[in-house]
Amino acid sequence: MFRPLALVVLAVVMASPAAACRLPAGAQALTQETLAAINAERQAKRLAPLALDARLQDAAQSHACDSATRNRMGHDGSDGSALGDRAARVGYDFREIAENVAQGYPSPQSVTQGWMNSPGHRRNILMRGARDAGLGIAIGGDGDLHWVLKLGRE
């Protein structure tokens, strides 16, 4: 009796942006390389390195998947969410939070350089109080990589 409803629920879940998300080959290595490049920039300014936080990682990957699925990079989610909403969803009770997004950069070095060449993104990377990070990477419909970096401190 409940099977048709269960199938409808399953179909809705399977159609969600996260279910359709394509990750690049070696996504975990790309994440580590990007974090290393970002921490090198921070070290050059005598700032503490960022450590991956599983909650921010989940929020960043979810937003990267959402952006890649829509093939639209931005700070707003398809559900109208903003950075603070997405951090709260994963239980990250922040004192400071920032987000960098990018589309089309082919490598950790190029996306880091792109962010460092942008005053607002650079300011986020060099945020003095930041201690935690999450990085999401997904492949858009056109093959571009969608990058999302979240930085924060609880």
C-alpha atoms as a PDB file:
ATOM      1  CA  MET A   1       0.000   0.000   0.000  1.00  0.00           C
ATOM      2  CA  PHE A   2       2.843   2.423   0.767  1.00  0.00           C
ATOM      3  CA  ARG A   3       5.128   1.301  -2.054  1.00  0.00           C
ATOM      4  CA  PRO A   4       3.902   3.840  -4.668  1.00  0.00           C
ATOM      5  CA  LEU A   5       4.493   6.659  -2.187  1.00  0.00           C
ATOM      6  CA  ALA A   6       7.961   5.286  -1.398  1.00  0.00           C
ATOM      7  CA  LEU A   7       8.773   5.223  -5.111  1.00  0.00           C
ATOM      8  CA  VAL A   8       7.639   8.835  -5.498  1.00  0.00           C
ATOM      9  CA  VAL A   9       9.794   9.892  -2.552  1.00  0.00           C
ATOM     10  CA  LEU A  10      12.761   7.960  -3.965  1.00  0.00           C
ATOM     11  CA  ALA A  11      12.269   9.580  -7.384  1.00  0.00           C
ATOM     12  CA  VAL A  12      12.230  13.056  -5.837  1.00  0.00           C
ATOM     13  CA  VAL A  13      15.386  12.322  -3.826  1.00  0.00           C
ATOM     14  CA  MET A  14      17.156  10.876  -6.867  1.00  0.00           C
ATOM     15  CA  ALA A  15      16.252  13.984  -8.893  1.00  0.00           C
ATOM     16  CA  SER A  16      17.843  16.323  -6.372  1.00  0.00           C
ATOM     17  CA  PRO A  17      20.940  18.314  -7.424  1.00  0.00           C
ATOM     18  CA  ALA A  18      23.204  16.354  -5.080  1.00  0.00           C
ATOM     19  CA  ALA A  19      22.171  13.066  -6.699  1.00  0.00           C
ATOM     20  CA  ALA A  20      23.099  14.401 -10.144  1.00  0.00           C
ATOM     21  CA  CYS A  21      26.443  15.776  -9.025  1.00  0.00           C
ATOM     22  CA  ARG A  22      29.536  14.758 -10.978  1.00  0.00           C
ATOM     23  CA  LEU A  23      32.858  14.935  -9.162  1.00  0.00           C
ATOM     24  CA  PRO A  24      36.191  15.297 -10.951  1.00  0.00           C
ATOM     25  CA  ALA A  25      38.610  12.389 -10.939  1.00  0.00           C
ATOM     26  CA  GLY A  26      40.855  12.663  -7.898  1.00  0.00           C
ATOM     27  CA  ALA A  27      38.537  15.102  -6.110  1.00  0.00           C
ATOM     28  CA  GLN A  28      40.095  14.360  -2.729  1.00  0.00           C
ATOM     29  CA  ALA A  29      43.608  15.042  -4.051  1.00  0.00           C
ATOM     30  CA  LEU A  30      42.374  18.264  -5.695  1.00  0.00           C
ATOM     31  CA  THR A  31      40.923  19.333  -2.347  1.00  0.00           C
ATOM     32  CA  GLN A  32      44.219  18.679  -0.548  1.00  0.00           C
ATOM     33  CA  GLU A  33      46.242  20.489  -3.246  1.00  0.00           C
ATOM     34  CA  THR A  34      43.938  23.510  -3.114  1.00  0.00           C
ATOM     35  CA  LEU A  35      44.079  23.680   0.668  1.00  0.00           C
ATOM     36  CA  ALA A  36      47.894  23.454   0.511  1.00  0.00           C
ATOM     37  CA  ALA A  37      48.005  26.345  -1.999  1.00  0.00           C
ATOM     38  CA  ILE A  38      45.669  28.430   0.168  1.00  0.00           C
ATOM     39  CA  ASN A  39      47.691  27.665   3.296  1.00  0.00           C
ATOM     40  CA  ALA A  40      50.885  28.689   1.473  1.00  0.00           C
ATOM     41  CA  GLU A  41      49.281  32.084   0.814  1.00  0.00           C
ATOM     42  CA  ARG A  42      48.280  32.324   4.477  1.00  0.00           C
ATOM     43  CA  GLN A  43      51.736  31.259   5.660  1.00  0.00           C
ATOM     44  CA  ALA A  44      53.328  33.979   3.518  1.00  0.00           C
ATOM     45  CA  LYS A  45      51.302  36.481   5.575  1.00  0.00           C
ATOM     46  CA  ARG A  46      52.139  34.690   8.854  1.00  0.00           C
ATOM     47  CA  LEU A  47      48.572  33.499   9.341  1.00  0.00           C
ATOM     48  CA  ALA A  48      47.545  30.205  10.902  1.00  0.00           C
ATOM     49  CA  PRO A  49      46.867  27.391   8.439  1.00  0.00           C
ATOM     50  CA  LEU A  50      43.327  26.251   7.768  1.00  0.00           C
ATOM     51  CA  ALA A  51      42.248  22.716   8.623  1.00  0.00           C
ATOM     52  CA  LEU A  52      39.482  20.871   6.833  1.00  0.00           C
ATOM     53  CA  ASP A  53      36.287  20.742   8.858  1.00  0.00           C
ATOM     54  CA  ALA A  54      33.904  17.933   7.882  1.00  0.00           C
ATOM     55  CA  ARG A  55      30.838  20.143   8.333  1.00  0.00           C
ATOM     56  CA  LEU A  56      32.180  22.954   6.151  1.00  0.00           C
ATOM     57  CA  GLN A  57      33.353  20.321   3.691  1.00  0.00           C
ATOM     58  CA  ASP A  58      29.804  18.971   3.429  1.00  0.00           C
ATOM     59  CA  ALA A  59      28.347  22.463   2.999  1.00  0.00           C
ATOM     60  CA  ALA A  60      30.928  23.405   0.359  1.00  0.00           C
ATOM     61  CA  GLN A  61      30.450  20.193  -1.630  1.00  0.00           C
ATOM     62  CA  SER A  62      26.682  20.512  -1.502  1.00  0.00           C
ATOM     63  CA  HIS A  63      26.853  24.090  -2.810  1.00  0.00           C
ATOM     64  CA  ALA A  64      29.374  23.122  -5.526  1.00  0.00           C
ATOM     65  CA  CYS A  65      27.037  20.326  -6.646  1.00  0.00           C
ATOM     66  CA  ASP A  66      24.046  22.661  -6.614  1.00  0.00           C
ATOM     67  CA  SER A  67      25.954  25.235  -8.674  1.00  0.00           C
ATOM     68  CA  ALA A  68      27.293  22.664 -11.138  1.00  0.00           C
ATOM     69  CA  THR A  69      23.854  21.088 -11.604  1.00  0.00           C
ATOM     70  CA  ARG A  70      22.360  24.521 -12.372  1.00  0.00           C
ATOM     71  CA  ASN A  71      25.507  25.501 -14.314  1.00  0.00           C
ATOM     72  CA  ARG A  72      25.359  28.806 -12.463  1.00  0.00           C
ATOM     73  CA  MET A  73      28.021  29.883  -9.998  1.00  0.00           C
ATOM     74  CA  GLY A  74      26.966  32.232  -7.229  1.00  0.00           C
ATOM     75  CA  HIS A  75      26.588  32.667  -3.502  1.00  0.00           C
ATOM     76  CA  ASP A  76      22.878  31.867  -3.500  1.00  0.00           C
ATOM     77  CA  GLY A  77      21.583  28.303  -3.477  1.00  0.00           C
ATOM     78  CA  SER A  78      18.819  27.004  -5.707  1.00  0.00           C
ATOM     79  CA  ASP A  79      16.619  26.921  -2.589  1.00  0.00           C
ATOM     80  CA  GLY A  80      17.347  30.587  -1.818  1.00  0.00           C
ATOM     81  CA  SER A  81      19.914  29.740   0.865  1.00  0.00           C
ATOM     82  CA  ALA A  82      22.823  31.993   1.718  1.00  0.00           C
ATOM     83  CA  LEU A  83      26.197  31.097   3.216  1.00  0.00           C
ATOM     84  CA  GLY A  84      24.989  31.366   6.812  1.00  0.00           C
ATOM     85  CA  ASP A  85      21.995  29.140   6.089  1.00  0.00           C
ATOM     86  CA  ARG A  86      24.193  26.440   4.600  1.00  0.00           C
ATOM     87  CA  ALA A  87      26.638  26.595   7.526  1.00  0.00           C
ATOM     88  CA  ALA A  88      23.776  26.310  10.013  1.00  0.00           C
ATOM     89  CA  ARG A  89      22.334  23.289   8.161  1.00  0.00           C
ATOM     90  CA  VAL A  90      25.522  21.321   8.809  1.00  0.00           C
ATOM     91  CA  GLY A  91      25.750  22.442  12.442  1.00  0.00           C
ATOM     92  CA  TYR A  92      28.649  24.877  12.044  1.00  0.00           C
ATOM     93  CA  ASP A  93      27.984  27.535  14.721  1.00  0.00           C
ATOM     94  CA  PHE A  94      30.245  30.247  13.338  1.00  0.00           C
ATOM     95  CA  ARG A  95      31.611  33.458  14.764  1.00  0.00           C
ATOM     96  CA  GLU A  96      33.149  34.267  11.381  1.00  0.00           C
ATOM     97  CA  ILE A  97      32.318  32.772   8.006  1.00  0.00           C
ATOM     98  CA  ALA A  98      33.221  33.541   4.404  1.00  0.00           C
ATOM     99  CA  GLU A  99      32.759  31.897   1.033  1.00  0.00           C
ATOM    100  CA  ASN A 100      34.675  31.983  -2.237  1.00  0.00           C
ATOM    101  CA  VAL A 101      33.180  30.581  -5.414  1.00  0.00           C
ATOM    102  CA  ALA A 102      34.684  30.137  -8.868  1.00  0.00           C
ATOM    103  CA  GLN A 103      33.897  28.438 -12.145  1.00  0.00           C
ATOM    104  CA  GLY A 104      36.081  27.276 -14.994  1.00  0.00           C
ATOM    105  CA  TYR A 105      39.491  27.125 -13.344  1.00  0.00           C
ATOM    106  CA  PRO A 106      41.159  23.833 -14.329  1.00  0.00           C
ATOM    107  CA  SER A 107      43.486  23.317 -11.353  1.00  0.00           C
ATOM    108  CA  PRO A 108      44.033  24.041  -7.653  1.00  0.00           C
ATOM    109  CA  GLN A 109      46.828  26.472  -8.519  1.00  0.00           C
ATOM    110  CA  SER A 110      44.752  28.409 -11.051  1.00  0.00           C
ATOM    111  CA  VAL A 111      41.693  28.749  -8.812  1.00  0.00           C
ATOM    112  CA  THR A 112      43.854  29.831  -5.863  1.00  0.00           C
ATOM    113  CA  GLN A 113      45.622  32.408  -8.053  1.00  0.00           C
ATOM    114  CA  GLY A 114      42.272  33.627  -9.377  1.00  0.00           C
ATOM    115  CA  TRP A 115      40.979  34.112  -5.843  1.00  0.00           C
ATOM    116  CA  MET A 116      44.185  35.843  -4.762  1.00  0.00           C
ATOM    117  CA  ASN A 117      43.863  38.252  -7.721  1.00  0.00           C
ATOM    118  CA  SER A 118      40.371  39.270  -6.570  1.00  0.00           C
ATOM    119  CA  PRO A 119      40.351  41.703  -3.608  1.00  0.00           C
ATOM    120  CA  GLY A 120      37.244  40.240  -1.940  1.00  0.00           C
ATOM    121  CA  HIS A 121      38.307  36.625  -2.374  1.00  0.00           C
ATOM    122  CA  ARG A 122      41.831  37.452  -1.259  1.00  0.00           C
ATOM    123  CA  ARG A 123      40.460  39.137   1.876  1.00  0.00           C
ATOM    124  CA  ASN A 124      38.522  35.957   2.675  1.00  0.00           C
ATOM    125  CA  ILE A 125      41.550  33.689   2.204  1.00  0.00           C
ATOM    126  CA  LEU A 126      43.618  35.964   4.431  1.00  0.00           C
ATOM    127  CA  MET A 127      40.893  36.325   7.075  1.00  0.00           C
ATOM    128  CA  ARG A 128      42.911  36.468  10.282  1.00  0.00           C
ATOM    129  CA  GLY A 129      40.423  34.629  12.487  1.00  0.00           C
ATOM    130  CA  ALA A 130      39.693  31.758  10.094  1.00  0.00           C
ATOM    131  CA  ARG A 131      40.734  28.322  11.340  1.00  0.00           C
ATOM    132  CA  ASP A 132      38.454  25.918   9.467  1.00  0.00           C
ATOM    133  CA  ALA A 133      37.827  25.271   5.787  1.00  0.00           C
ATOM    134  CA  GLY A 134      35.682  23.225   3.478  1.00  0.00           C
ATOM    135  CA  LEU A 135      36.204  22.863  -0.241  1.00  0.00           C
ATOM    136  CA  GLY A 136      33.743  21.509  -2.791  1.00  0.00           C
ATOM    137  CA  ILE A 137      34.460  20.754  -6.436  1.00  0.00           C
ATOM    138  CA  ALA A 138      31.935  19.561  -9.023  1.00  0.00           C
ATOM    139  CA  ILE A 139      31.718  19.297 -12.802  1.00  0.00           C
ATOM    140  CA  GLY A 140      29.095  21.419 -14.548  1.00  0.00           C
ATOM    141  CA  GLY A 141      27.115  20.420 -17.617  1.00  0.00           C
ATOM    142  CA  ASP A 142      29.595  22.248 -19.837  1.00  0.00           C
ATOM    143  CA  GLY A 143      32.555  20.439 -18.257  1.00  0.00           C
ATOM    144  CA  ASP A 144      33.693  23.430 -16.184  1.00  0.00           C
ATOM    145  CA  LEU A 145      34.785  22.841 -12.616  1.00  0.00           C
ATOM    146  CA  HIS A 146      32.730  24.631  -9.969  1.00  0.00           C
ATOM    147  CA  TRP A 147      34.755  25.454  -6.847  1.00  0.00           C
ATOM    148  CA  VAL A 148      33.382  26.466  -3.442  1.00  0.00           C
ATOM    149  CA  LEU A 149      35.610  27.400  -0.503  1.00  0.00           C
ATOM    150  CA  LYS A 150      34.159  28.026   2.933  1.00  0.00           C
ATOM    151  CA  LEU A 151      36.327  29.496   5.688  1.00  0.00           C
ATOM    152  CA  GLY A 152      35.299  30.065   9.244  1.00  0.00           C
ATOM    153  CA  ARG A 153      35.804  30.023  12.958  1.00  0.00           C
ATOM    154  CA  GLU A 154      33.459  28.829  15.676  1.00  0.00           C
END
